[in-house]
Amino acid sequence: MFRRRKETQQPVGSMMATMEEMPVRVYFTAAIASLVLSAILYLFGKRTAAIFVGQWPPMLILLSLFYRLLHPSQEDTGERMARMRRKTRAAMH
C-alpha cells in the first residue's frame, strides 16, 4: 500500500567537495558573525541562546583548520605566482 521511498546517502566525498569549493575565509567570516550574533542575543536577554551560538566559532575555526591540514590550499597560488613573475621581470629590466 505504501511505497517506501529510497533514501539516497551522500558519500563523504561530496561533503569534502562542498568544503573544497568554499574558501577558508567563509569559515572565519561565519565565526565572527556568530560572535556578533551571540553578543546581540546576550544583550537582548536570551542568554541560553547566546551561549549556544557562542560555542560555534571554535567549531568553525577547527573545521577550517582540519580541512586545511587534510587538503593544502590552492586558493591564491595562481595569483601569487603571477605577482612573483611580474616582480621578477620588473627587477630584470
N, C-alpha and C. Protein backbone atom coordinates (compact mmCIF):
# COMPACT_ATOMS: atom_id res chain seq x y z
N MET A 1 0.80 -1.18 0.00
CA MET A 1 0.00 0.00 0.00
C MET A 1 0.86 1.26 0.00
N PHE A 2 1.77 1.34 0.95
CA PHE A 2 2.67 2.49 0.98
C PHE A 2 3.99 2.09 0.35
N ARG A 3 4.43 2.91 -0.53
CA ARG A 3 5.72 2.64 -1.15
C ARG A 3 6.82 3.29 -0.32
N ARG A 4 7.81 2.54 -0.12
CA ARG A 4 8.93 3.06 0.66
C ARG A 4 9.82 3.88 -0.26
N ARG A 5 10.07 5.08 0.15
CA ARG A 5 10.90 5.97 -0.64
C ARG A 5 12.38 5.63 -0.43
N LYS A 6 13.10 5.56 -1.51
CA LYS A 6 14.52 5.26 -1.40
C LYS A 6 15.24 6.50 -0.90
N GLU A 7 16.03 6.29 0.12
CA GLU A 7 16.83 7.38 0.64
C GLU A 7 18.22 7.26 0.04
N THR A 8 18.66 8.35 -0.52
CA THR A 8 19.99 8.35 -1.10
C THR A 8 20.96 8.92 -0.08
N GLN A 9 22.02 8.22 0.15
CA GLN A 9 23.03 8.70 1.06
C GLN A 9 24.12 9.38 0.25
N GLN A 10 24.48 10.57 0.69
CA GLN A 10 25.56 11.26 0.02
C GLN A 10 26.88 10.76 0.57
N PRO A 11 27.78 10.40 -0.29
CA PRO A 11 29.07 9.91 0.19
C PRO A 11 29.88 11.04 0.82
N VAL A 12 30.85 10.64 1.61
CA VAL A 12 31.71 11.61 2.29
C VAL A 12 32.45 12.46 1.28
N GLY A 13 32.74 11.90 0.12
CA GLY A 13 33.44 12.64 -0.92
C GLY A 13 32.70 13.88 -1.37
N SER A 14 31.39 13.82 -1.42
CA SER A 14 30.63 15.00 -1.83
C SER A 14 30.68 16.09 -0.77
N MET A 15 30.74 15.69 0.49
CA MET A 15 30.87 16.68 1.56
C MET A 15 32.22 17.38 1.45
N MET A 16 33.27 16.60 1.20
CA MET A 16 34.59 17.19 1.06
C MET A 16 34.66 18.09 -0.18
N ALA A 17 33.96 17.70 -1.23
CA ALA A 17 33.93 18.53 -2.44
C ALA A 17 33.24 19.86 -2.15
N THR A 18 32.18 19.82 -1.36
CA THR A 18 31.49 21.05 -0.98
C THR A 18 32.40 21.93 -0.14
N MET A 19 33.13 21.32 0.80
CA MET A 19 34.07 22.08 1.63
C MET A 19 35.19 22.68 0.77
N GLU A 20 35.59 21.95 -0.26
CA GLU A 20 36.67 22.40 -1.11
C GLU A 20 36.27 23.64 -1.91
N GLU A 21 35.00 23.75 -2.23
CA GLU A 21 34.53 24.89 -3.01
C GLU A 21 34.51 26.18 -2.18
N MET A 22 34.37 26.04 -0.86
CA MET A 22 34.31 27.23 -0.01
C MET A 22 35.72 27.64 0.41
N PRO A 23 36.07 28.91 0.22
CA PRO A 23 37.36 29.36 0.71
C PRO A 23 37.37 29.40 2.24
N VAL A 24 38.55 29.37 2.81
CA VAL A 24 38.68 29.34 4.27
C VAL A 24 38.13 30.62 4.88
N ARG A 25 38.14 31.71 4.14
CA ARG A 25 37.60 32.97 4.65
C ARG A 25 36.13 32.83 5.05
N VAL A 26 35.41 31.96 4.39
CA VAL A 26 33.99 31.76 4.71
C VAL A 26 33.84 31.26 6.14
N TYR A 27 34.71 30.34 6.53
CA TYR A 27 34.64 29.81 7.90
C TYR A 27 34.95 30.89 8.92
N PHE A 28 35.98 31.70 8.65
CA PHE A 28 36.33 32.75 9.60
C PHE A 28 35.26 33.84 9.65
N THR A 29 34.66 34.15 8.51
CA THR A 29 33.57 35.13 8.49
C THR A 29 32.37 34.60 9.28
N ALA A 30 32.06 33.33 9.13
CA ALA A 30 30.95 32.73 9.88
C ALA A 30 31.26 32.73 11.37
N ALA A 31 32.52 32.51 11.75
CA ALA A 31 32.89 32.53 13.16
C ALA A 31 32.70 33.92 13.75
N ILE A 32 33.12 34.95 13.03
CA ILE A 32 32.95 36.33 13.51
C ILE A 32 31.47 36.70 13.58
N ALA A 33 30.72 36.29 12.57
CA ALA A 33 29.27 36.58 12.57
C ALA A 33 28.58 35.90 13.74
N SER A 34 28.99 34.69 14.08
CA SER A 34 28.36 34.01 15.21
C SER A 34 28.74 34.68 16.53
N LEU A 35 29.94 35.24 16.62
CA LEU A 35 30.30 36.00 17.82
C LEU A 35 29.41 37.24 17.97
N VAL A 36 29.21 37.93 16.87
CA VAL A 36 28.35 39.13 16.89
C VAL A 36 26.92 38.74 17.25
N LEU A 37 26.42 37.67 16.64
CA LEU A 37 25.07 37.21 16.94
C LEU A 37 24.94 36.81 18.40
N SER A 38 25.96 36.17 18.93
CA SER A 38 25.95 35.77 20.33
C SER A 38 25.88 37.00 21.25
N ALA A 39 26.65 38.03 20.92
CA ALA A 39 26.63 39.25 21.73
C ALA A 39 25.26 39.92 21.66
N ILE A 40 24.66 39.94 20.49
CA ILE A 40 23.33 40.55 20.34
C ILE A 40 22.30 39.78 21.15
N LEU A 41 22.34 38.46 21.06
CA LEU A 41 21.41 37.64 21.84
C LEU A 41 21.58 37.87 23.33
N TYR A 42 22.82 38.00 23.77
CA TYR A 42 23.10 38.23 25.19
C TYR A 42 22.54 39.58 25.64
N LEU A 43 22.70 40.59 24.79
CA LEU A 43 22.18 41.92 25.13
C LEU A 43 20.66 41.95 25.20
N PHE A 44 20.01 41.12 24.42
CA PHE A 44 18.56 41.06 24.43
C PHE A 44 18.01 40.11 25.50
N GLY A 45 18.88 39.57 26.32
CA GLY A 45 18.44 38.75 27.44
C GLY A 45 18.25 37.27 27.12
N LYS A 46 18.61 36.85 25.95
CA LYS A 46 18.47 35.44 25.58
C LYS A 46 19.81 34.74 25.82
N ARG A 47 20.11 34.57 27.10
CA ARG A 47 21.44 34.10 27.49
C ARG A 47 21.71 32.66 27.07
N THR A 48 20.73 31.80 27.15
CA THR A 48 20.93 30.40 26.77
C THR A 48 21.25 30.30 25.28
N ALA A 49 20.51 31.02 24.46
CA ALA A 49 20.77 31.03 23.02
C ALA A 49 22.13 31.67 22.73
N ALA A 50 22.50 32.70 23.48
CA ALA A 50 23.78 33.37 23.29
C ALA A 50 24.94 32.42 23.58
N ILE A 51 24.81 31.64 24.63
CA ILE A 51 25.85 30.67 24.96
C ILE A 51 25.94 29.60 23.88
N PHE A 52 24.78 29.14 23.40
CA PHE A 52 24.76 28.13 22.34
C PHE A 52 25.44 28.65 21.08
N VAL A 53 25.07 29.83 20.65
CA VAL A 53 25.66 30.40 19.43
C VAL A 53 27.13 30.76 19.66
N GLY A 54 27.47 31.14 20.88
CA GLY A 54 28.85 31.49 21.21
C GLY A 54 29.79 30.31 21.15
N GLN A 55 29.28 29.11 21.13
CA GLN A 55 30.13 27.93 21.02
C GLN A 55 30.42 27.55 19.57
N TRP A 56 29.82 28.22 18.63
CA TRP A 56 30.05 27.91 17.22
C TRP A 56 31.43 28.32 16.71
N PRO A 57 31.97 29.50 17.07
CA PRO A 57 33.25 29.92 16.47
C PRO A 57 34.39 28.92 16.63
N PRO A 58 34.61 28.34 17.81
CA PRO A 58 35.71 27.37 17.87
C PRO A 58 35.50 26.18 16.93
N MET A 59 34.26 25.74 16.82
CA MET A 59 33.98 24.62 15.93
C MET A 59 34.24 25.00 14.47
N LEU A 60 33.83 26.19 14.08
CA LEU A 60 34.04 26.63 12.70
C LEU A 60 35.53 26.80 12.38
N ILE A 61 36.27 27.37 13.33
CA ILE A 61 37.70 27.55 13.11
C ILE A 61 38.41 26.20 13.07
N LEU A 62 38.04 25.30 13.96
CA LEU A 62 38.64 23.96 13.93
C LEU A 62 38.30 23.21 12.65
N LEU A 63 37.09 23.40 12.16
CA LEU A 63 36.70 22.77 10.90
C LEU A 63 37.56 23.28 9.75
N SER A 64 37.81 24.58 9.72
CA SER A 64 38.65 25.13 8.65
C SER A 64 40.09 24.64 8.79
N LEU A 65 40.60 24.58 10.01
CA LEU A 65 41.96 24.08 10.21
C LEU A 65 42.07 22.60 9.85
N PHE A 66 41.07 21.84 10.21
CA PHE A 66 41.04 20.42 9.87
C PHE A 66 41.09 20.23 8.36
N TYR A 67 40.29 21.01 7.67
CA TYR A 67 40.27 20.91 6.22
C TYR A 67 41.61 21.31 5.62
N ARG A 68 42.21 22.39 6.17
CA ARG A 68 43.50 22.86 5.67
C ARG A 68 44.58 21.80 5.86
N LEU A 69 44.53 21.08 6.97
CA LEU A 69 45.53 20.04 7.22
C LEU A 69 45.38 18.88 6.25
N LEU A 70 44.14 18.52 5.95
CA LEU A 70 43.91 17.40 5.04
C LEU A 70 44.15 17.76 3.59
N HIS A 71 43.79 18.97 3.22
CA HIS A 71 43.92 19.42 1.83
C HIS A 71 44.61 20.77 1.80
N PRO A 72 45.91 20.80 1.55
CA PRO A 72 46.62 22.08 1.48
C PRO A 72 45.97 23.00 0.44
N SER A 73 45.94 24.26 0.75
CA SER A 73 45.21 25.23 -0.05
C SER A 73 45.85 25.49 -1.41
N GLN A 74 45.00 25.68 -2.38
CA GLN A 74 45.42 26.08 -3.71
C GLN A 74 44.77 27.42 -4.06
N GLU A 75 44.26 28.13 -3.05
CA GLU A 75 43.43 29.31 -3.28
C GLU A 75 44.16 30.42 -4.04
N ASP A 76 45.28 30.88 -3.51
CA ASP A 76 45.92 32.05 -4.08
C ASP A 76 47.20 31.72 -4.84
N THR A 77 47.46 30.48 -5.08
CA THR A 77 48.72 30.08 -5.69
C THR A 77 48.91 30.73 -7.06
N GLY A 78 47.89 30.73 -7.87
CA GLY A 78 47.99 31.32 -9.21
C GLY A 78 48.28 32.80 -9.17
N GLU A 79 47.59 33.53 -8.30
CA GLU A 79 47.81 34.97 -8.18
C GLU A 79 49.20 35.27 -7.66
N ARG A 80 49.64 34.53 -6.66
CA ARG A 80 50.97 34.75 -6.10
C ARG A 80 52.05 34.50 -7.14
N MET A 81 51.90 33.45 -7.90
CA MET A 81 52.90 33.14 -8.92
C MET A 81 52.94 34.25 -9.98
N ALA A 82 51.79 34.75 -10.38
CA ALA A 82 51.75 35.82 -11.37
C ALA A 82 52.42 37.08 -10.83
N ARG A 83 52.16 37.42 -9.57
CA ARG A 83 52.80 38.59 -8.96
C ARG A 83 54.31 38.42 -8.89
N MET A 84 54.75 37.22 -8.51
CA MET A 84 56.19 36.96 -8.41
C MET A 84 56.85 37.08 -9.77
N ARG A 85 56.19 36.58 -10.82
CA ARG A 85 56.74 36.70 -12.17
C ARG A 85 56.87 38.16 -12.59
N ARG A 86 55.82 38.95 -12.30
CA ARG A 86 55.86 40.37 -12.67
C ARG A 86 56.98 41.10 -11.93
N LYS A 87 57.14 40.80 -10.64
CA LYS A 87 58.21 41.44 -9.87
C LYS A 87 59.58 41.04 -10.40
N THR A 88 59.72 39.78 -10.75
CA THR A 88 60.98 39.30 -11.28
C THR A 88 61.31 39.97 -12.60
N ARG A 89 60.32 40.05 -13.48
CA ARG A 89 60.51 40.70 -14.78
C ARG A 89 60.85 42.18 -14.61
N ALA A 90 60.16 42.84 -13.65
CA ALA A 90 60.41 44.26 -13.42
C ALA A 90 61.82 44.47 -12.87
N ALA A 91 62.26 43.56 -12.01
CA ALA A 91 63.61 43.68 -11.43
C ALA A 91 64.69 43.44 -12.49
N MET A 92 64.41 42.61 -13.48
CA MET A 92 65.39 42.34 -14.52
C MET A 92 65.57 43.48 -15.49
N HIS A 93 64.53 44.29 -15.64
CA HIS A 93 64.59 45.39 -16.62
C HIS A 93 65.03 46.64 -16.00
